[in-house]
PDB file of N, CA and C in Angstrom:
ATOM      1  N   UNK A   1       5.846   9.929 -15.261  1.00  0.00           N
ATOM      2  CA  UNK A   1       6.614   8.530 -15.754  1.00  0.00           C
ATOM      3  C   UNK A   1       5.810   7.665 -15.139  1.00  0.00           C
ATOM      4  N   UNK A   2       5.596   7.833 -13.696  1.00  0.00           N
ATOM      5  CA  UNK A   2       5.087   6.576 -12.891  1.00  0.00           C
ATOM      6  C   UNK A   2       3.622   5.922 -13.520  1.00  0.00           C
ATOM      7  N   UNK A   3       2.819   6.917 -13.849  1.00  0.00           N
ATOM      8  CA  UNK A   3       1.626   6.688 -14.324  1.00  0.00           C
ATOM      9  C   UNK A   3       1.725   5.826 -15.625  1.00  0.00           C
ATOM     10  N   UNK A   4       2.776   5.926 -16.431  1.00  0.00           N
ATOM     11  CA  UNK A   4       3.072   5.316 -17.787  1.00  0.00           C
ATOM     12  C   UNK A   4       3.255   3.791 -17.754  1.00  0.00           C
ATOM     13  N   UNK A   5       4.100   3.464 -16.450  1.00  0.00           N
ATOM     14  CA  UNK A   5       4.252   2.261 -16.288  1.00  0.00           C
ATOM     15  C   UNK A   5       3.224   1.295 -15.307  1.00  0.00           C
ATOM     16  N   UNK A   6       2.403   2.125 -14.910  1.00  0.00           N
ATOM     17  CA  UNK A   6       1.492   1.309 -13.913  1.00  0.00           C
ATOM     18  C   UNK A   6       0.602   0.514 -15.106  1.00  0.00           C
ATOM     19  N   UNK A   7       0.175  -0.769 -14.480  1.00  0.00           N
ATOM     20  CA  UNK A   7      -0.720  -1.595 -15.111  1.00  0.00           C
ATOM     21  C   UNK A   7      -2.230  -1.377 -14.412  1.00  0.00           C
ATOM     22  N   UNK A   8      -2.893  -0.441 -14.913  1.00  0.00           N
ATOM     23  CA  UNK A   8      -4.360  -0.267 -14.591  1.00  0.00           C
ATOM     24  C   UNK A   8      -4.508   0.653 -13.491  1.00  0.00           C
ATOM     25  N   UNK A   9      -5.542   1.106 -13.095  1.00  0.00           N
ATOM     26  CA  UNK A   9      -6.011   1.572 -11.856  1.00  0.00           C
ATOM     27  C   UNK A   9      -5.705   0.972 -10.757  1.00  0.00           C
ATOM     28  N   UNK A  10      -5.434   1.921  -9.905  1.00  0.00           N
ATOM     29  CA  UNK A  10      -5.081   1.232  -8.433  1.00  0.00           C
ATOM     30  C   UNK A  10      -3.891   0.576  -7.803  1.00  0.00           C
ATOM     31  N   UNK A  11      -2.910   1.056  -9.200  1.00  0.00           N
ATOM     32  CA  UNK A  11      -1.435   0.427  -8.888  1.00  0.00           C
ATOM     33  C   UNK A  11      -0.660   1.136  -7.698  1.00  0.00           C
ATOM     34  N   UNK A  12      -0.329   0.583  -6.800  1.00  0.00           N
ATOM     35  CA  UNK A  12      -0.041   1.600  -5.596  1.00  0.00           C
ATOM     36  C   UNK A  12       1.478   2.700  -5.801  1.00  0.00           C
ATOM     37  N   UNK A  13       1.492   3.567  -5.340  1.00  0.00           N
ATOM     38  CA  UNK A  13       2.327   4.561  -5.449  1.00  0.00           C
ATOM     39  C   UNK A  13       3.843   4.325  -5.084  1.00  0.00           C
ATOM     40  N   UNK A  14       4.116   3.248  -4.280  1.00  0.00           N
ATOM     41  CA  UNK A  14       5.341   2.989  -3.860  1.00  0.00           C
ATOM     42  C   UNK A  14       5.861   1.370  -3.840  1.00  0.00           C
ATOM     43  N   UNK A  15       6.847   1.296  -4.461  1.00  0.00           N
ATOM     44  CA  UNK A  15       7.333  -0.271  -4.511  1.00  0.00           C
ATOM     45  C   UNK A  15       8.645  -0.577  -3.838  1.00  0.00           C
ATOM     46  N   UNK A  16       8.578  -1.369  -3.055  1.00  0.00           N
ATOM     47  CA  UNK A  16      10.030  -1.754  -2.657  1.00  0.00           C
ATOM     48  C   UNK A  16      10.204  -3.163  -3.306  1.00  0.00           C
ATOM     49  N   UNK A  17      11.182  -3.493  -3.963  1.00  0.00           N
ATOM     50  CA  UNK A  17      11.403  -4.877  -4.567  1.00  0.00           C
ATOM     51  C   UNK A  17      12.860  -5.365  -3.805  1.00  0.00           C
ATOM     52  N   UNK A  18      12.388  -5.601  -2.266  1.00  0.00           N
ATOM     53  CA  UNK A  18      13.630  -6.488  -1.608  1.00  0.00           C
ATOM     54  C   UNK A  18      12.750  -7.299  -0.893  1.00  0.00           C
ATOM     55  N   UNK A  19      13.263  -8.462  -0.852  1.00  0.00           N
ATOM     56  CA  UNK A  19      12.768  -9.614  -0.199  1.00  0.00           C
ATOM     57  C   UNK A  19      12.766  -9.581   1.259  1.00  0.00           C
ATOM     58  N   UNK A  20      11.843  -9.763   1.926  1.00  0.00           N
ATOM     59  CA  UNK A  20      11.647  -9.788   3.521  1.00  0.00           C
ATOM     60  C   UNK A  20      10.849 -10.793   4.147  1.00  0.00           C
ATOM     61  N   UNK A  21      11.043 -11.560   5.188  1.00  0.00           N
ATOM     62  CA  UNK A  21       9.921 -12.251   5.712  1.00  0.00           C
ATOM     63  C   UNK A  21       9.253 -12.748   4.919  1.00  0.00           C
ATOM     64  N   UNK A  22       9.550 -13.775   3.807  1.00  0.00           N
ATOM     65  CA  UNK A  22       8.720 -14.623   2.953  1.00  0.00           C
ATOM     66  C   UNK A  22       7.830 -13.556   2.033  1.00  0.00           C
ATOM     67  N   UNK A  23       8.345 -12.497   1.933  1.00  0.00           N
ATOM     68  CA  UNK A  23       7.457 -11.439   0.683  1.00  0.00           C
ATOM     69  C   UNK A  23       8.315 -11.035   0.047  1.00  0.00           C
ATOM     70  N   UNK A  24       7.762 -10.915  -1.270  1.00  0.00           N
ATOM     71  CA  UNK A  24       8.516 -10.684  -2.498  1.00  0.00           C
ATOM     72  C   UNK A  24       8.691  -9.245  -2.476  1.00  0.00           C
ATOM     73  N   UNK A  25       8.322  -8.481  -1.763  1.00  0.00           N
ATOM     74  CA  UNK A  25       8.393  -7.152  -1.885  1.00  0.00           C
ATOM     75  C   UNK A  25       7.380  -6.179  -1.129  1.00  0.00           C
ATOM     76  N   UNK A  26       7.522  -4.931  -1.043  1.00  0.00           N
ATOM     77  CA  UNK A  26       6.449  -4.008  -0.218  1.00  0.00           C
ATOM     78  C   UNK A  26       5.930  -3.218  -1.598  1.00  0.00           C
ATOM     79  N   UNK A  27       4.373  -3.035  -1.197  1.00  0.00           N
ATOM     80  CA  UNK A  27       3.684  -2.077  -2.248  1.00  0.00           C
ATOM     81  C   UNK A  27       2.797  -0.962  -1.163  1.00  0.00           C
ATOM     82  N   UNK A  28       3.121   0.198  -1.218  1.00  0.00           N
ATOM     83  CA  UNK A  28       2.346   0.986  -0.446  1.00  0.00           C
ATOM     84  C   UNK A  28       1.463   2.056  -1.165  1.00  0.00           C
ATOM     85  N   UNK A  29       0.192   2.209  -0.777  1.00  0.00           N
ATOM     86  CA  UNK A  29      -0.246   3.310  -1.580  1.00  0.00           C
ATOM     87  C   UNK A  29      -0.356   4.669  -0.390  1.00  0.00           C
ATOM     88  N   UNK A  30      -0.036   5.556  -1.115  1.00  0.00           N
ATOM     89  CA  UNK A  30       0.392   6.982  -0.138  1.00  0.00           C
ATOM     90  C   UNK A  30      -0.848   7.788  -0.186  1.00  0.00           C
ATOM     91  N   UNK A  31      -1.173   8.239   1.121  1.00  0.00           N
ATOM     92  CA  UNK A  31      -2.293   9.229   1.146  1.00  0.00           C
ATOM     93  C   UNK A  31      -1.805  10.320   1.884  1.00  0.00           C
ATOM     94  N   UNK A  32      -2.301  11.504   1.858  1.00  0.00           N
ATOM     95  CA  UNK A  32      -2.107  12.642   2.517  1.00  0.00           C
ATOM     96  C   UNK A  32      -2.396  12.500   4.080  1.00  0.00           C
ATOM     97  N   UNK A  33      -1.503  13.125   4.729  1.00  0.00           N
ATOM     98  CA  UNK A  33      -2.075  13.404   6.241  1.00  0.00           C
ATOM     99  C   UNK A  33      -3.262  13.575   6.471  1.00  0.00           C
ATOM    100  N   UNK A  34      -3.852  12.705   7.252  1.00  0.00           N
ATOM    101  CA  UNK A  34      -5.557  13.141   7.920  1.00  0.00           C
ATOM    102  C   UNK A  34      -6.486  12.428   6.856  1.00  0.00           C
ATOM    103  N   UNK A  35      -5.953  11.639   5.964  1.00  0.00           N
ATOM    104  CA  UNK A  35      -6.943  10.759   5.155  1.00  0.00           C
ATOM    105  C   UNK A  35      -7.621   9.870   5.905  1.00  0.00           C
ATOM    106  N   UNK A  36      -8.879   9.677   5.851  1.00  0.00           N
ATOM    107  CA  UNK A  36      -9.561   8.661   6.373  1.00  0.00           C
ATOM    108  C   UNK A  36      -9.978   7.521   5.534  1.00  0.00           C
ATOM    109  N   UNK A  37      -9.553   6.379   5.666  1.00  0.00           N
ATOM    110  CA  UNK A  37      -9.259   5.474   4.710  1.00  0.00           C
ATOM    111  C   UNK A  37     -10.743   4.502   4.955  1.00  0.00           C
ATOM    112  N   UNK A  38     -11.326   4.495   6.019  1.00  0.00           N
ATOM    113  CA  UNK A  38     -12.238   3.685   6.364  1.00  0.00           C
ATOM    114  C   UNK A  38     -13.672   4.042   7.096  1.00  0.00           C
ATOM    115  N   UNK A  39     -14.651   3.877   6.849  1.00  0.00           N
ATOM    116  CA  UNK A  39     -16.178   4.676   7.352  1.00  0.00           C
ATOM    117  C   UNK A  39     -16.098   3.712   8.703  1.00  0.00           C
ATOM    118  N   UNK A  40     -16.920   4.235   9.473  1.00  0.00           N
ATOM    119  CA  UNK A  40     -17.185   3.451  10.925  1.00  0.00           C
ATOM    120  C   UNK A  40     -17.743   2.083  10.776  1.00  0.00           C
ATOM    121  N   UNK A  41     -18.298   1.674   9.829  1.00  0.00           N
ATOM    122  CA  UNK A  41     -18.807   0.259   9.478  1.00  0.00           C
ATOM    123  C   UNK A  41     -17.647  -0.514   9.006  1.00  0.00           C
ATOM    124  N   UNK A  42     -16.376   0.000   8.596  1.00  0.00           N
ATOM    125  CA  UNK A  42     -15.346  -1.018   7.846  1.00  0.00           C
ATOM    126  C   UNK A  42     -15.081  -0.770   6.763  1.00  0.00           C
ATOM    127  N   UNK A  43     -16.120  -0.233   5.729  1.00  0.00           N
ATOM    128  CA  UNK A  43     -16.012  -0.287   4.505  1.00  0.00           C
ATOM    129  C   UNK A  43     -15.179   1.083   4.007  1.00  0.00           C
ATOM    130  N   UNK A  44     -14.415   0.667   2.698  1.00  0.00           N
ATOM    131  CA  UNK A  44     -13.485   1.927   2.461  1.00  0.00           C
ATOM    132  C   UNK A  44     -14.331   3.290   2.537  1.00  0.00           C
ATOM    133  N   UNK A  45     -13.490   4.342   2.755  1.00  0.00           N
ATOM    134  CA  UNK A  45     -14.237   5.509   3.007  1.00  0.00           C
ATOM    135  C   UNK A  45     -14.649   6.118   1.168  1.00  0.00           C
ATOM    136  N   UNK A  46     -14.082   5.638   0.306  1.00  0.00           N
ATOM    137  CA  UNK A  46     -14.548   6.402  -0.982  1.00  0.00           C
ATOM    138  C   UNK A  46     -14.441   4.910  -2.010  1.00  0.00           C
ATOM    139  N   UNK A  47     -14.920   5.070  -3.278  1.00  0.00           N
ATOM    140  CA  UNK A  47     -15.008   4.232  -4.247  1.00  0.00           C
ATOM    141  C   UNK A  47     -13.328   4.032  -4.964  1.00  0.00           C
ATOM    142  N   UNK A  48     -12.635   5.208  -4.689  1.00  0.00           N
ATOM    143  CA  UNK A  48     -11.203   4.975  -5.124  1.00  0.00           C
ATOM    144  C   UNK A  48     -10.359   4.451  -4.165  1.00  0.00           C
ATOM    145  N   UNK A  49     -10.675   4.677  -2.878  1.00  0.00           N
ATOM    146  CA  UNK A  49      -9.833   3.889  -2.011  1.00  0.00           C
ATOM    147  C   UNK A  49     -10.288   2.114  -1.793  1.00  0.00           C
ATOM    148  N   UNK A  50     -11.514   2.110  -2.389  1.00  0.00           N
ATOM    149  CA  UNK A  50     -11.987   0.813  -2.487  1.00  0.00           C
ATOM    150  C   UNK A  50     -11.185   0.013  -3.575  1.00  0.00           C
ATOM    151  N   UNK A  51     -11.071   0.592  -4.920  1.00  0.00           N
ATOM    152  CA  UNK A  51     -10.502   0.029  -5.894  1.00  0.00           C
ATOM    153  C   UNK A  51      -8.984  -0.100  -5.497  1.00  0.00           C
ATOM    154  N   UNK A  52      -8.254   0.859  -4.611  1.00  0.00           N
ATOM    155  CA  UNK A  52      -6.913   0.870  -4.310  1.00  0.00           C
ATOM    156  C   UNK A  52      -6.669  -0.456  -3.698  1.00  0.00           C
ATOM    157  N   UNK A  53      -7.806  -0.623  -2.334  1.00  0.00           N
ATOM    158  CA  UNK A  53      -7.820  -1.848  -1.490  1.00  0.00           C
ATOM    159  C   UNK A  53      -7.856  -3.221  -2.330  1.00  0.00           C
ATOM    160  N   UNK A  54      -8.723  -3.286  -3.239  1.00  0.00           N
ATOM    161  CA  UNK A  54      -8.898  -4.468  -4.188  1.00  0.00           C
ATOM    162  C   UNK A  54      -7.798  -4.757  -4.602  1.00  0.00           C
ATOM    163  N   UNK A  55      -6.576  -3.919  -5.495  1.00  0.00           N
ATOM    164  CA  UNK A  55      -5.507  -3.852  -5.975  1.00  0.00           C
ATOM    165  C   UNK A  55      -4.327  -4.397  -5.112  1.00  0.00           C
ATOM    166  N   UNK A  56      -4.400  -3.776  -4.067  1.00  0.00           N
ATOM    167  CA  UNK A  56      -3.396  -4.179  -2.877  1.00  0.00           C
ATOM    168  C   UNK A  56      -3.863  -5.678  -2.388  1.00  0.00           C
ATOM    169  N   UNK A  57      -4.812  -6.065  -2.415  1.00  0.00           N
ATOM    170  CA  UNK A  57      -5.395  -7.498  -1.790  1.00  0.00           C
ATOM    171  C   UNK A  57      -5.125  -8.406  -2.698  1.00  0.00           C
ATOM    172  N   UNK A  58      -5.174  -7.914  -4.165  1.00  0.00           N
ATOM    173  CA  UNK A  58      -4.388  -9.043  -4.937  1.00  0.00           C
ATOM    174  C   UNK A  58      -2.776  -8.971  -4.959  1.00  0.00           C
ATOM    175  N   UNK A  59      -2.092  -7.928  -4.749  1.00  0.00           N
ATOM    176  CA  UNK A  59      -0.955  -8.354  -4.636  1.00  0.00           C
ATOM    177  C   UNK A  59      -0.570  -8.950  -3.277  1.00  0.00           C
ATOM    178  N   UNK A  60      -1.179  -8.984  -2.344  1.00  0.00           N
ATOM    179  CA  UNK A  60      -1.198  -9.804  -1.056  1.00  0.00           C
ATOM    180  C   UNK A  60      -1.050 -11.140  -1.504  1.00  0.00           C
ATOM    181  N   UNK A  61      -2.242 -11.602  -2.456  1.00  0.00           N
ATOM    182  CA  UNK A  61      -2.354 -13.046  -2.456  1.00  0.00           C
ATOM    183  C   UNK A  61      -1.179 -13.482  -3.573  1.00  0.00           C
ATOM    184  N   UNK A  62      -0.440 -12.649  -4.043  1.00  0.00           N
ATOM    185  CA  UNK A  62       0.653 -13.081  -4.794  1.00  0.00           C
ATOM    186  C   UNK A  62       1.948 -12.990  -4.004  1.00  0.00           C
ATOM    187  N   UNK A  63       2.071 -12.848  -2.610  1.00  0.00           N
ATOM    188  CA  UNK A  63       3.115 -13.224  -1.711  1.00  0.00           C
ATOM    189  C   UNK A  63       3.589 -11.654  -1.475  1.00  0.00           C
ATOM    190  N   UNK A  64       3.006 -10.523  -1.728  1.00  0.00           N
ATOM    191  CA  UNK A  64       3.683  -9.263  -1.414  1.00  0.00           C
ATOM    192  C   UNK A  64       3.095  -8.572  -0.177  1.00  0.00           C
ATOM    193  N   UNK A  65       3.975  -7.989   0.483  1.00  0.00           N
ATOM    194  CA  UNK A  65       3.520  -7.117   1.685  1.00  0.00           C
ATOM    195  C   UNK A  65       2.918  -5.832   1.163  1.00  0.00           C
ATOM    196  N   UNK A  66       1.803  -5.553   1.766  1.00  0.00           N
ATOM    197  CA  UNK A  66       0.866  -4.243   1.379  1.00  0.00           C
ATOM    198  C   UNK A  66       0.531  -3.448   2.528  1.00  0.00           C
ATOM    199  N   UNK A  67       0.431  -1.964   2.226  1.00  0.00           N
ATOM    200  CA  UNK A  67      -0.088  -1.310   3.183  1.00  0.00           C
ATOM    201  C   UNK A  67      -0.443   0.095   2.570  1.00  0.00           C
ATOM    202  N   UNK A  68      -1.390   0.756   3.392  1.00  0.00           N
ATOM    203  CA  UNK A  68      -1.527   2.167   3.056  1.00  0.00           C
ATOM    204  C   UNK A  68      -0.802   2.976   4.006  1.00  0.00           C
ATOM    205  N   UNK A  69      -0.140   3.993   3.356  1.00  0.00           N
ATOM    206  CA  UNK A  69       0.685   4.971   4.314  1.00  0.00           C
ATOM    207  C   UNK A  69      -0.159   6.345   4.366  1.00  0.00           C
ATOM    208  N   UNK A  70      -0.222   6.675   5.614  1.00  0.00           N
ATOM    209  CA  UNK A  70      -0.974   8.105   5.704  1.00  0.00           C
ATOM    210  C   UNK A  70      -0.235   8.833   6.340  1.00  0.00           C
ATOM    211  N   UNK A  71       0.356  10.098   5.377  1.00  0.00           N
ATOM    212  CA  UNK A  71       1.364  11.005   5.776  1.00  0.00           C
ATOM    213  C   UNK A  71       3.021  10.493   5.926  1.00  0.00           C
ATOM    214  N   UNK A  72       3.728  11.317   5.712  1.00  0.00           N
ATOM    215  CA  UNK A  72       5.131  10.976   5.479  1.00  0.00           C
ATOM    216  C   UNK A  72       5.813  10.152   6.521  1.00  0.00           C
ATOM    217  N   UNK A  73       5.511  10.703   7.746  1.00  0.00           N
ATOM    218  CA  UNK A  73       5.718   9.874   9.059  1.00  0.00           C
ATOM    219  C   UNK A  73       5.505   8.383   8.898  1.00  0.00           C
ATOM    220  N   UNK A  74       4.213   8.063   8.528  1.00  0.00           N
ATOM    221  CA  UNK A  74       3.379   6.744   8.622  1.00  0.00           C
ATOM    222  C   UNK A  74       4.284   6.005   7.405  1.00  0.00           C
ATOM    223  N   UNK A  75       4.388   6.392   6.378  1.00  0.00           N
ATOM    224  CA  UNK A  75       4.962   6.010   5.366  1.00  0.00           C
ATOM    225  C   UNK A  75       6.443   5.571   5.525  1.00  0.00           C
ATOM    226  N   UNK A  76       7.153   6.264   6.462  1.00  0.00           N
ATOM    227  CA  UNK A  76       8.786   6.334   6.729  1.00  0.00           C
ATOM    228  C   UNK A  76       8.594   4.743   7.704  1.00  0.00           C
ATOM    229  N   UNK A  77       7.653   5.000   8.795  1.00  0.00           N
ATOM    230  CA  UNK A  77       7.506   3.689   9.176  1.00  0.00           C
ATOM    231  C   UNK A  77       7.272   2.458   8.805  1.00  0.00           C
ATOM    232  N   UNK A  78       6.509   2.387   8.067  1.00  0.00           N
ATOM    233  CA  UNK A  78       5.883   1.325   7.179  1.00  0.00           C
ATOM    234  C   UNK A  78       7.417   0.653   6.244  1.00  0.00           C
ATOM    235  N   UNK A  79       8.083   1.425   5.757  1.00  0.00           N
ATOM    236  CA  UNK A  79       9.319   1.222   5.187  1.00  0.00           C
ATOM    237  C   UNK A  79      10.196   0.612   5.805  1.00  0.00           C
ATOM    238  N   UNK A  80      10.489   1.402   7.114  1.00  0.00           N
ATOM    239  CA  UNK A  80      11.557   0.819   7.860  1.00  0.00           C
ATOM    240  C   UNK A  80      11.280  -0.224   8.599  1.00  0.00           C
ATOM    241  N   UNK A  81      10.000  -0.433   8.990  1.00  0.00           N
ATOM    242  CA  UNK A  81       9.555  -1.523   9.583  1.00  0.00           C
ATOM    243  C   UNK A  81       9.865  -2.985   8.733  1.00  0.00           C
ATOM    244  N   UNK A  82       9.264  -2.620   7.502  1.00  0.00           N
ATOM    245  CA  UNK A  82       9.579  -3.392   6.404  1.00  0.00           C
ATOM    246  C   UNK A  82      11.017  -4.167   6.259  1.00  0.00           C
ATOM    247  N   UNK A  83      11.916  -3.205   6.042  1.00  0.00           N
ATOM    248  CA  UNK A  83      13.090  -3.453   5.733  1.00  0.00           C
ATOM    249  C   UNK A  83      14.024  -3.971   7.009  1.00  0.00           C
ATOM    250  N   UNK A  84      13.458  -3.704   8.214  1.00  0.00           N
ATOM    251  CA  UNK A  84      13.870  -4.403   9.402  1.00  0.00           C
ATOM    252  C   UNK A  84      13.035  -5.894   9.863  1.00  0.00           C
ATOM    253  N   UNK A  85      12.268  -6.274   8.724  1.00  0.00           N
ATOM    254  CA  UNK A  85      11.777  -7.338   8.948  1.00  0.00           C
ATOM    255  C   UNK A  85      10.697  -7.715  10.139  1.00  0.00           C
ATOM    256  N   UNK A  86       9.935  -6.517  10.463  1.00  0.00           N
ATOM    257  CA  UNK A  86       9.010  -6.657  11.537  1.00  0.00           C
ATOM    258  C   UNK A  86       7.974  -6.384  11.135  1.00  0.00           C
ATOM    259  N   UNK A  87       7.467  -6.418   9.873  1.00  0.00           N
ATOM    260  CA  UNK A  87       6.161  -6.316   9.448  1.00  0.00           C
ATOM    261  C   UNK A  87       5.653  -7.920   8.807  1.00  0.00           C
TER     262      UNK A  87
END
């Protein structure tokens, strides 16, 4: 169902539409525990991650808080910090 409402490739996995700290909401791209997001030179680890990063950065330009969340604990921390206005 989520795929049916997404607008194109790269749309983040999780959306929190709660305004905090001048952000219009939070978008999180969720990755499994242990996922490597970047190469040593700072480039995205895969073309797919590069595509997702580009989408996230466009959302950031529009006033949203963005993040990659790697593993359950990291995603939970991101959400908690956002809702406490710590991001």
